[in-house]
Amino acid sequence: MIDNRDAEPLTYRIIGREVGRDPEHLERRFSAECGVTLHAYLRDVRLRRAYALARSGKKIESLPGTVGFRSKGGFFRAFRSMFGCTPGAIASTSGS
């Protein structure tokens, strides 16, 4: 469910409502099972999707909103931190 809706704002409360679970229980289980918080998991999923989109030729300016980041600055900092380069560098090396 999370991977298919990663661009949407998701919280334990929203997910809990959909799956019929208490948000606090969900938070404990998610962290125990995945080893990271929902926020960290979503950030990684979104950044990996942005990487794939940059390689496919998607306009760099539209990436933050497309993958669910509200802040362009936050997106570009997180992208550089995770991949060691900018989305533009990924796009240019993929021949797009």
PDB file of N, CA and C in Angstrom:
ATOM      1  N   MET A   1       0.814  -1.192   0.000  1.00  0.00           N
ATOM      2  CA  MET A   1       0.000   0.000   0.000  1.00  0.00           C
ATOM      3  C   MET A   1       0.864   1.264   0.000  1.00  0.00           C
ATOM      4  N   ILE A   2       1.891   1.265   0.829  1.00  0.00           N
ATOM      5  CA  ILE A   2       2.743   2.442   0.950  1.00  0.00           C
ATOM      6  C   ILE A   2       3.496   2.701  -0.350  1.00  0.00           C
ATOM      7  N   ASP A   3       4.049   1.674  -0.940  1.00  0.00           N
ATOM      8  CA  ASP A   3       4.818   1.845  -2.168  1.00  0.00           C
ATOM      9  C   ASP A   3       3.959   2.348  -3.323  1.00  0.00           C
ATOM     10  N   ASN A   4       2.699   1.993  -3.345  1.00  0.00           N
ATOM     11  CA  ASN A   4       1.809   2.425  -4.428  1.00  0.00           C
ATOM     12  C   ASN A   4       1.283   3.838  -4.233  1.00  0.00           C
ATOM     13  N   ARG A   5       1.376   4.360  -3.020  1.00  0.00           N
ATOM     14  CA  ARG A   5       0.840   5.696  -2.732  1.00  0.00           C
ATOM     15  C   ARG A   5       1.906   6.591  -2.117  1.00  0.00           C
ATOM     16  N   ASP A   6       3.138   6.379  -2.485  1.00  0.00           N
ATOM     17  CA  ASP A   6       4.244   7.081  -1.844  1.00  0.00           C
ATOM     18  C   ASP A   6       4.259   8.587  -2.071  1.00  0.00           C
ATOM     19  N   ALA A   7       3.617   9.075  -3.117  1.00  0.00           N
ATOM     20  CA  ALA A   7       3.608  10.520  -3.360  1.00  0.00           C
ATOM     21  C   ALA A   7       2.561  11.233  -2.508  1.00  0.00           C
ATOM     22  N   GLU A   8       1.670  10.482  -1.903  1.00  0.00           N
ATOM     23  CA  GLU A   8       0.631  11.081  -1.053  1.00  0.00           C
ATOM     24  C   GLU A   8       1.178  11.320   0.347  1.00  0.00           C
ATOM     25  N   PRO A   9       0.595  12.285   1.060  1.00  0.00           N
ATOM     26  CA  PRO A   9       0.988  12.437   2.466  1.00  0.00           C
ATOM     27  C   PRO A   9       0.438  11.253   3.253  1.00  0.00           C
ATOM     28  N   LEU A  10       1.313  10.460   3.821  1.00  0.00           N
ATOM     29  CA  LEU A  10       0.886   9.290   4.589  1.00  0.00           C
ATOM     30  C   LEU A  10       1.394   9.399   6.017  1.00  0.00           C
ATOM     31  N   THR A  11       0.536   9.047   6.948  1.00  0.00           N
ATOM     32  CA  THR A  11       0.896   9.007   8.359  1.00  0.00           C
ATOM     33  C   THR A  11       0.400   7.692   8.923  1.00  0.00           C
ATOM     34  N   TYR A  12       0.855   7.376  10.127  1.00  0.00           N
ATOM     35  CA  TYR A  12       0.359   6.167  10.783  1.00  0.00           C
ATOM     36  C   TYR A  12      -1.151   6.253  10.975  1.00  0.00           C
ATOM     37  N   ARG A  13      -1.660   7.432  11.233  1.00  0.00           N
ATOM     38  CA  ARG A  13      -3.104   7.613  11.435  1.00  0.00           C
ATOM     39  C   ARG A  13      -3.881   7.294  10.156  1.00  0.00           C
ATOM     40  N   ILE A  14      -3.412   7.800   9.024  1.00  0.00           N
ATOM     41  CA  ILE A  14      -4.081   7.550   7.745  1.00  0.00           C
ATOM     42  C   ILE A  14      -4.027   6.066   7.397  1.00  0.00           C
ATOM     43  N   ILE A  15      -2.856   5.482   7.530  1.00  0.00           N
ATOM     44  CA  ILE A  15      -2.708   4.054   7.213  1.00  0.00           C
ATOM     45  C   ILE A  15      -3.528   3.212   8.177  1.00  0.00           C
ATOM     46  N   GLY A  16      -3.480   3.556   9.455  1.00  0.00           N
ATOM     47  CA  GLY A  16      -4.244   2.822  10.462  1.00  0.00           C
ATOM     48  C   GLY A  16      -5.725   2.825  10.179  1.00  0.00           C
ATOM     49  N   ARG A  17      -6.239   3.976   9.752  1.00  0.00           N
ATOM     50  CA  ARG A  17      -7.658   4.084   9.397  1.00  0.00           C
ATOM     51  C   ARG A  17      -8.000   3.120   8.255  1.00  0.00           C
ATOM     52  N   GLU A  18      -7.119   3.031   7.272  1.00  0.00           N
ATOM     53  CA  GLU A  18      -7.385   2.183   6.111  1.00  0.00           C
ATOM     54  C   GLU A  18      -7.277   0.699   6.416  1.00  0.00           C
ATOM     55  N   VAL A  19      -6.363   0.333   7.289  1.00  0.00           N
ATOM     56  CA  VAL A  19      -6.175  -1.090   7.571  1.00  0.00           C
ATOM     57  C   VAL A  19      -6.842  -1.533   8.875  1.00  0.00           C
ATOM     58  N   GLY A  20      -7.515  -0.604   9.535  1.00  0.00           N
ATOM     59  CA  GLY A  20      -8.241  -0.952  10.750  1.00  0.00           C
ATOM     60  C   GLY A  20      -7.364  -1.233  11.956  1.00  0.00           C
ATOM     61  N   ARG A  21      -6.276  -0.512  12.079  1.00  0.00           N
ATOM     62  CA  ARG A  21      -5.363  -0.676  13.209  1.00  0.00           C
ATOM     63  C   ARG A  21      -5.153   0.638  13.932  1.00  0.00           C
ATOM     64  N   ASP A  22      -4.798   0.542  15.190  1.00  0.00           N
ATOM     65  CA  ASP A  22      -4.466   1.695  16.013  1.00  0.00           C
ATOM     66  C   ASP A  22      -3.137   2.282  15.520  1.00  0.00           C
ATOM     67  N   PRO A  23      -3.065   3.604  15.311  1.00  0.00           N
ATOM     68  CA  PRO A  23      -1.832   4.213  14.795  1.00  0.00           C
ATOM     69  C   PRO A  23      -0.602   3.946  15.664  1.00  0.00           C
ATOM     70  N   GLU A  24      -0.763   3.945  16.975  1.00  0.00           N
ATOM     71  CA  GLU A  24       0.376   3.698  17.861  1.00  0.00           C
ATOM     72  C   GLU A  24       0.877   2.260  17.716  1.00  0.00           C
ATOM     73  N   HIS A  25      -0.060   1.323  17.598  1.00  0.00           N
ATOM     74  CA  HIS A  25       0.315  -0.079  17.387  1.00  0.00           C
ATOM     75  C   HIS A  25       1.054  -0.224  16.052  1.00  0.00           C
ATOM     76  N   LEU A  26       0.520   0.428  15.025  1.00  0.00           N
ATOM     77  CA  LEU A  26       1.120   0.382  13.706  1.00  0.00           C
ATOM     78  C   LEU A  26       2.541   0.943  13.735  1.00  0.00           C
ATOM     79  N   GLU A  27       2.716   2.046  14.443  1.00  0.00           N
ATOM     80  CA  GLU A  27       4.038   2.659  14.536  1.00  0.00           C
ATOM     81  C   GLU A  27       5.043   1.708  15.174  1.00  0.00           C
ATOM     82  N   ARG A  28       4.663   1.079  16.275  1.00  0.00           N
ATOM     83  CA  ARG A  28       5.558   0.134  16.945  1.00  0.00           C
ATOM     84  C   ARG A  28       5.889  -1.046  16.038  1.00  0.00           C
ATOM     85  N   ARG A  29       4.879  -1.609  15.396  1.00  0.00           N
ATOM     86  CA  ARG A  29       5.083  -2.773  14.516  1.00  0.00           C
ATOM     87  C   ARG A  29       5.914  -2.417  13.297  1.00  0.00           C
ATOM     88  N   PHE A  30       5.622  -1.282  12.682  1.00  0.00           N
ATOM     89  CA  PHE A  30       6.362  -0.872  11.489  1.00  0.00           C
ATOM     90  C   PHE A  30       7.839  -0.704  11.819  1.00  0.00           C
ATOM     91  N   SER A  31       8.129   0.007  12.888  1.00  0.00           N
ATOM     92  CA  SER A  31       9.515   0.228  13.286  1.00  0.00           C
ATOM     93  C   SER A  31      10.206  -1.084  13.636  1.00  0.00           C
ATOM     94  N   ALA A  32       9.503  -1.968  14.322  1.00  0.00           N
ATOM     95  CA  ALA A  32      10.089  -3.259  14.696  1.00  0.00           C
ATOM     96  C   ALA A  32      10.349  -4.135  13.468  1.00  0.00           C
ATOM     97  N   GLU A  33       9.402  -4.165  12.557  1.00  0.00           N
ATOM     98  CA  GLU A  33       9.526  -5.015  11.368  1.00  0.00           C
ATOM     99  C   GLU A  33      10.513  -4.461  10.350  1.00  0.00           C
ATOM    100  N   CYS A  34      10.483  -3.148  10.133  1.00  0.00           N
ATOM    101  CA  CYS A  34      11.285  -2.536   9.066  1.00  0.00           C
ATOM    102  C   CYS A  34      12.607  -1.960   9.557  1.00  0.00           C
ATOM    103  N   GLY A  35      12.705  -1.702  10.850  1.00  0.00           N
ATOM    104  CA  GLY A  35      13.933  -1.146  11.399  1.00  0.00           C
ATOM    105  C   GLY A  35      14.095   0.348  11.178  1.00  0.00           C
ATOM    106  N   VAL A  36      13.081   0.990  10.601  1.00  0.00           N
ATOM    107  CA  VAL A  36      13.095   2.434  10.382  1.00  0.00           C
ATOM    108  C   VAL A  36      11.690   2.980  10.628  1.00  0.00           C
ATOM    109  N   THR A  37      11.594   4.284  10.744  1.00  0.00           N
ATOM    110  CA  THR A  37      10.281   4.894  10.906  1.00  0.00           C
ATOM    111  C   THR A  37       9.578   4.977   9.552  1.00  0.00           C
ATOM    112  N   LEU A  38       8.296   5.223   9.578  1.00  0.00           N
ATOM    113  CA  LEU A  38       7.537   5.404   8.348  1.00  0.00           C
ATOM    114  C   LEU A  38       8.097   6.582   7.554  1.00  0.00           C
ATOM    115  N   HIS A  39       8.434   7.648   8.245  1.00  0.00           N
ATOM    116  CA  HIS A  39       8.986   8.832   7.589  1.00  0.00           C
ATOM    117  C   HIS A  39      10.274   8.489   6.829  1.00  0.00           C
ATOM    118  N   ALA A  40      11.178   7.764   7.463  1.00  0.00           N
ATOM    119  CA  ALA A  40      12.439   7.384   6.820  1.00  0.00           C
ATOM    120  C   ALA A  40      12.186   6.440   5.644  1.00  0.00           C
ATOM    121  N   TYR A  41      11.267   5.508   5.820  1.00  0.00           N
ATOM    122  CA  TYR A  41      10.942   4.570   4.742  1.00  0.00           C
ATOM    123  C   TYR A  41      10.374   5.311   3.535  1.00  0.00           C
ATOM    124  N   LEU A  42       9.426   6.211   3.777  1.00  0.00           N
ATOM    125  CA  LEU A  42       8.831   6.990   2.687  1.00  0.00           C
ATOM    126  C   LEU A  42       9.867   7.848   1.973  1.00  0.00           C
ATOM    127  N   ARG A  43      10.761   8.465   2.736  1.00  0.00           N
ATOM    128  CA  ARG A  43      11.802   9.287   2.133  1.00  0.00           C
ATOM    129  C   ARG A  43      12.646   8.450   1.175  1.00  0.00           C
ATOM    130  N   ASP A  44      13.049   7.255   1.594  1.00  0.00           N
ATOM    131  CA  ASP A  44      13.869   6.407   0.738  1.00  0.00           C
ATOM    132  C   ASP A  44      13.111   5.949  -0.504  1.00  0.00           C
ATOM    133  N   VAL A  45      11.857   5.557  -0.336  1.00  0.00           N
ATOM    134  CA  VAL A  45      11.038   5.131  -1.478  1.00  0.00           C
ATOM    135  C   VAL A  45      10.886   6.280  -2.464  1.00  0.00           C
ATOM    136  N   ARG A  46      10.601   7.464  -1.955  1.00  0.00           N
ATOM    137  CA  ARG A  46      10.417   8.638  -2.818  1.00  0.00           C
ATOM    138  C   ARG A  46      11.702   9.002  -3.552  1.00  0.00           C
ATOM    139  N   LEU A  47      12.823   8.942  -2.860  1.00  0.00           N
ATOM    140  CA  LEU A  47      14.091   9.295  -3.489  1.00  0.00           C
ATOM    141  C   LEU A  47      14.494   8.274  -4.555  1.00  0.00           C
ATOM    142  N   ARG A  48      14.251   7.003  -4.301  1.00  0.00           N
ATOM    143  CA  ARG A  48      14.562   5.975  -5.304  1.00  0.00           C
ATOM    144  C   ARG A  48      13.683   6.151  -6.545  1.00  0.00           C
ATOM    145  N   ARG A  49      12.431   6.520  -6.329  1.00  0.00           N
ATOM    146  CA  ARG A  49      11.541   6.782  -7.462  1.00  0.00           C
ATOM    147  C   ARG A  49      12.014   8.010  -8.246  1.00  0.00           C
ATOM    148  N   ALA A  50      12.444   9.051  -7.519  1.00  0.00           N
ATOM    149  CA  ALA A  50      12.968  10.252  -8.177  1.00  0.00           C
ATOM    150  C   ALA A  50      14.212   9.915  -8.999  1.00  0.00           C
ATOM    151  N   TYR A  51      15.056   9.053  -8.484  1.00  0.00           N
ATOM    152  CA  TYR A  51      16.257   8.625  -9.210  1.00  0.00           C
ATOM    153  C   TYR A  51      15.860   7.972 -10.533  1.00  0.00           C
ATOM    154  N   ALA A  52      14.909   7.050 -10.474  1.00  0.00           N
ATOM    155  CA  ALA A  52      14.446   6.373 -11.691  1.00  0.00           C
ATOM    156  C   ALA A  52      13.822   7.363 -12.671  1.00  0.00           C
ATOM    157  N   LEU A  53      13.048   8.298 -12.157  1.00  0.00           N
ATOM    158  CA  LEU A  53      12.429   9.296 -13.025  1.00  0.00           C
ATOM    159  C   LEU A  53      13.467  10.214 -13.664  1.00  0.00           C
ATOM    160  N   ALA A  54      14.497  10.587 -12.912  1.00  0.00           N
ATOM    161  CA  ALA A  54      15.566  11.428 -13.460  1.00  0.00           C
ATOM    162  C   ALA A  54      16.282  10.692 -14.587  1.00  0.00           C
ATOM    163  N   ARG A  55      16.521   9.411 -14.388  1.00  0.00           N
ATOM    164  CA  ARG A  55      17.176   8.607 -15.443  1.00  0.00           C
ATOM    165  C   ARG A  55      16.303   8.480 -16.683  1.00  0.00           C
ATOM    166  N   SER A  56      14.988   8.514 -16.489  1.00  0.00           N
ATOM    167  CA  SER A  56      14.084   8.333 -17.630  1.00  0.00           C
ATOM    168  C   SER A  56      13.803   9.634 -18.386  1.00  0.00           C
ATOM    169  N   GLY A  57      14.355  10.750 -17.887  1.00  0.00           N
ATOM    170  CA  GLY A  57      14.197  12.004 -18.602  1.00  0.00           C
ATOM    171  C   GLY A  57      13.125  12.932 -18.062  1.00  0.00           C
ATOM    172  N   LYS A  58      12.544  12.612 -16.921  1.00  0.00           N
ATOM    173  CA  LYS A  58      11.549  13.494 -16.300  1.00  0.00           C
ATOM    174  C   LYS A  58      12.191  14.841 -15.982  1.00  0.00           C
ATOM    175  N   LYS A  59      11.445  15.915 -16.162  1.00  0.00           N
ATOM    176  CA  LYS A  59      11.961  17.249 -15.863  1.00  0.00           C
ATOM    177  C   LYS A  59      12.363  17.328 -14.390  1.00  0.00           C
ATOM    178  N   ILE A  60      13.576  17.766 -14.162  1.00  0.00           N
ATOM    179  CA  ILE A  60      14.142  17.822 -12.814  1.00  0.00           C
ATOM    180  C   ILE A  60      13.310  18.716 -11.895  1.00  0.00           C
ATOM    181  N   GLU A  61      12.817  19.843 -12.413  1.00  0.00           N
ATOM    182  CA  GLU A  61      12.057  20.783 -11.589  1.00  0.00           C
ATOM    183  C   GLU A  61      10.773  20.167 -11.041  1.00  0.00           C
ATOM    184  N   SER A  62      10.229  19.189 -11.744  1.00  0.00           N
ATOM    185  CA  SER A  62       8.960  18.601 -11.312  1.00  0.00           C
ATOM    186  C   SER A  62       9.133  17.411 -10.372  1.00  0.00           C
ATOM    187  N   LEU A  63      10.351  16.939 -10.190  1.00  0.00           N
ATOM    188  CA  LEU A  63      10.572  15.747  -9.371  1.00  0.00           C
ATOM    189  C   LEU A  63      10.075  15.869  -7.930  1.00  0.00           C
ATOM    190  N   PRO A  64      10.397  16.956  -7.206  1.00  0.00           N
ATOM    191  CA  PRO A  64       9.964  17.007  -5.804  1.00  0.00           C
ATOM    192  C   PRO A  64       8.459  16.786  -5.627  1.00  0.00           C
ATOM    193  N   GLY A  65       7.641  17.491  -6.362  1.00  0.00           N
ATOM    194  CA  GLY A  65       6.192  17.343  -6.248  1.00  0.00           C
ATOM    195  C   GLY A  65       5.694  15.994  -6.731  1.00  0.00           C
ATOM    196  N   THR A  66       6.312  15.486  -7.783  1.00  0.00           N
ATOM    197  CA  THR A  66       5.901  14.200  -8.351  1.00  0.00           C
ATOM    198  C   THR A  66       6.085  13.064  -7.362  1.00  0.00           C
ATOM    199  N   VAL A  67       7.156  13.107  -6.586  1.00  0.00           N
ATOM    200  CA  VAL A  67       7.425  12.014  -5.653  1.00  0.00           C
ATOM    201  C   VAL A  67       6.969  12.298  -4.223  1.00  0.00           C
ATOM    202  N   GLY A  68       6.289  13.436  -4.013  1.00  0.00           N
ATOM    203  CA  GLY A  68       5.685  13.683  -2.707  1.00  0.00           C
ATOM    204  C   GLY A  68       6.456  14.546  -1.737  1.00  0.00           C
ATOM    205  N   PHE A  69       7.500  15.217  -2.187  1.00  0.00           N
ATOM    206  CA  PHE A  69       8.212  16.151  -1.313  1.00  0.00           C
ATOM    207  C   PHE A  69       7.510  17.496  -1.368  1.00  0.00           C
ATOM    208  N   ARG A  70       7.326  18.116  -0.227  1.00  0.00           N
ATOM    209  CA  ARG A  70       6.699  19.435  -0.180  1.00  0.00           C
ATOM    210  C   ARG A  70       7.710  20.556  -0.377  1.00  0.00           C
ATOM    211  N   SER A  71       8.953  20.298  -0.033  1.00  0.00           N
ATOM    212  CA  SER A  71      10.000  21.322  -0.115  1.00  0.00           C
ATOM    213  C   SER A  71      11.026  20.924  -1.176  1.00  0.00           C
ATOM    214  N   LYS A  72      11.237  21.809  -2.139  1.00  0.00           N
ATOM    215  CA  LYS A  72      12.236  21.530  -3.177  1.00  0.00           C
ATOM    216  C   LYS A  72      13.633  21.471  -2.573  1.00  0.00           C
ATOM    217  N   GLY A  73      13.918  22.410  -1.670  1.00  0.00           N
ATOM    218  CA  GLY A  73      15.232  22.414  -1.029  1.00  0.00           C
ATOM    219  C   GLY A  73      15.496  21.139  -0.253  1.00  0.00           C
ATOM    220  N   GLY A  74      14.484  20.704   0.504  1.00  0.00           N
ATOM    221  CA  GLY A  74      14.609  19.460   1.263  1.00  0.00           C
ATOM    222  C   GLY A  74      14.807  18.261   0.355  1.00  0.00           C
ATOM    223  N   PHE A  75      14.103  18.266  -0.764  1.00  0.00           N
ATOM    224  CA  PHE A  75      14.244  17.172  -1.723  1.00  0.00           C
ATOM    225  C   PHE A  75      15.668  17.112  -2.267  1.00  0.00           C
ATOM    226  N   PHE A  76      16.181  18.247  -2.731  1.00  0.00           N
ATOM    227  CA  PHE A  76      17.512  18.239  -3.334  1.00  0.00           C
ATOM    228  C   PHE A  76      18.605  17.899  -2.320  1.00  0.00           C
ATOM    229  N   ARG A  77      18.457  18.347  -1.071  1.00  0.00           N
ATOM    230  CA  ARG A  77      19.428  17.979  -0.028  1.00  0.00           C
ATOM    231  C   ARG A  77      19.377  16.489   0.247  1.00  0.00           C
ATOM    232  N   ALA A  78      18.166  15.942   0.375  1.00  0.00           N
ATOM    233  CA  ALA A  78      18.015  14.508   0.649  1.00  0.00           C
ATOM    234  C   ALA A  78      18.544  13.673  -0.516  1.00  0.00           C
ATOM    235  N   PHE A  79      18.269  14.106  -1.743  1.00  0.00           N
ATOM    236  CA  PHE A  79      18.732  13.382  -2.927  1.00  0.00           C
ATOM    237  C   PHE A  79      20.255  13.327  -2.947  1.00  0.00           C
ATOM    238  N   ARG A  80      20.875  14.494  -2.742  1.00  0.00           N
ATOM    239  CA  ARG A  80      22.346  14.556  -2.749  1.00  0.00           C
ATOM    240  C   ARG A  80      22.927  13.702  -1.623  1.00  0.00           C
ATOM    241  N   SER A  81      22.290  13.724  -0.469  1.00  0.00           N
ATOM    242  CA  SER A  81      22.759  12.939   0.668  1.00  0.00           C
ATOM    243  C   SER A  81      22.681  11.441   0.371  1.00  0.00           C
ATOM    244  N   MET A  82      21.614  11.004  -0.270  1.00  0.00           N
ATOM    245  CA  MET A  82      21.428   9.580  -0.534  1.00  0.00           C
ATOM    246  C   MET A  82      22.276   9.090  -1.706  1.00  0.00           C
ATOM    247  N   PHE A  83      22.368   9.873  -2.779  1.00  0.00           N
ATOM    248  CA  PHE A  83      23.024   9.401  -3.996  1.00  0.00           C
ATOM    249  C   PHE A  83      24.380  10.062  -4.277  1.00  0.00           C
ATOM    250  N   GLY A  84      24.718  11.103  -3.518  1.00  0.00           N
ATOM    251  CA  GLY A  84      26.007  11.737  -3.695  1.00  0.00           C
ATOM    252  C   GLY A  84      26.110  12.660  -4.891  1.00  0.00           C
ATOM    253  N   CYS A  85      24.978  12.967  -5.515  1.00  0.00           N
ATOM    254  CA  CYS A  85      24.962  13.874  -6.666  1.00  0.00           C
ATOM    255  C   CYS A  85      23.548  14.444  -6.816  1.00  0.00           C
ATOM    256  N   THR A  86      23.397  15.328  -7.761  1.00  0.00           N
ATOM    257  CA  THR A  86      22.091  15.946  -7.995  1.00  0.00           C
ATOM    258  C   THR A  86      21.284  15.133  -9.002  1.00  0.00           C
ATOM    259  N   PRO A  87      19.960  15.321  -9.039  1.00  0.00           N
ATOM    260  CA  PRO A  87      19.160  14.658 -10.057  1.00  0.00           C
ATOM    261  C   PRO A  87      19.597  15.045 -11.473  1.00  0.00           C
ATOM    262  N   GLY A  88      20.064  16.284 -11.649  1.00  0.00           N
ATOM    263  CA  GLY A  88      20.542  16.726 -12.953  1.00  0.00           C
ATOM    264  C   GLY A  88      21.759  15.916 -13.417  1.00  0.00           C
ATOM    265  N   ALA A  89      22.630  15.570 -12.482  1.00  0.00           N
ATOM    266  CA  ALA A  89      23.794  14.764 -12.837  1.00  0.00           C
ATOM    267  C   ALA A  89      23.359  13.357 -13.265  1.00  0.00           C
ATOM    268  N   ILE A  90      22.337  12.832 -12.622  1.00  0.00           N
ATOM    269  CA  ILE A  90      21.817  11.509 -12.992  1.00  0.00           C
ATOM    270  C   ILE A  90      21.236  11.579 -14.401  1.00  0.00           C
ATOM    271  N   ALA A  91      20.471  12.623 -14.659  1.00  0.00           N
ATOM    272  CA  ALA A  91      19.836  12.774 -15.967  1.00  0.00           C
ATOM    273  C   ALA A  91      20.886  12.909 -17.069  1.00  0.00           C
ATOM    274  N   SER A  92      21.935  13.671 -16.802  1.00  0.00           N
ATOM    275  CA  SER A  92      22.941  13.900 -17.839  1.00  0.00           C
ATOM    276  C   SER A  92      23.763  12.650 -18.125  1.00  0.00           C
ATOM    277  N   THR A  93      23.964  11.793 -17.132  1.00  0.00           N
ATOM    278  CA  THR A  93      24.738  10.568 -17.367  1.00  0.00           C
ATOM    279  C   THR A  93      23.904   9.477 -18.026  1.00  0.00           C
ATOM    280  N   SER A  94      22.576   9.619 -17.974  1.00  0.00           N
ATOM    281  CA  SER A  94      21.725   8.604 -18.593  1.00  0.00           C
ATOM    282  C   SER A  94      21.472   8.893 -20.064  1.00  0.00           C
ATOM    283  N   GLY A  95      22.004  10.005 -20.549  1.00  0.00           N
ATOM    284  CA  GLY A  95      21.854  10.328 -21.958  1.00  0.00           C
ATOM    285  C   GLY A  95      20.544  10.999 -22.305  1.00  0.00           C
ATOM    286  N   SER A  96      19.815  11.476 -21.288  1.00  0.00           N
ATOM    287  CA  SER A  96      18.540  12.160 -21.531  1.00  0.00           C
ATOM    288  C   SER A  96      18.752  13.626 -21.691  1.00  0.00           C
TER     289      SER A  96
END
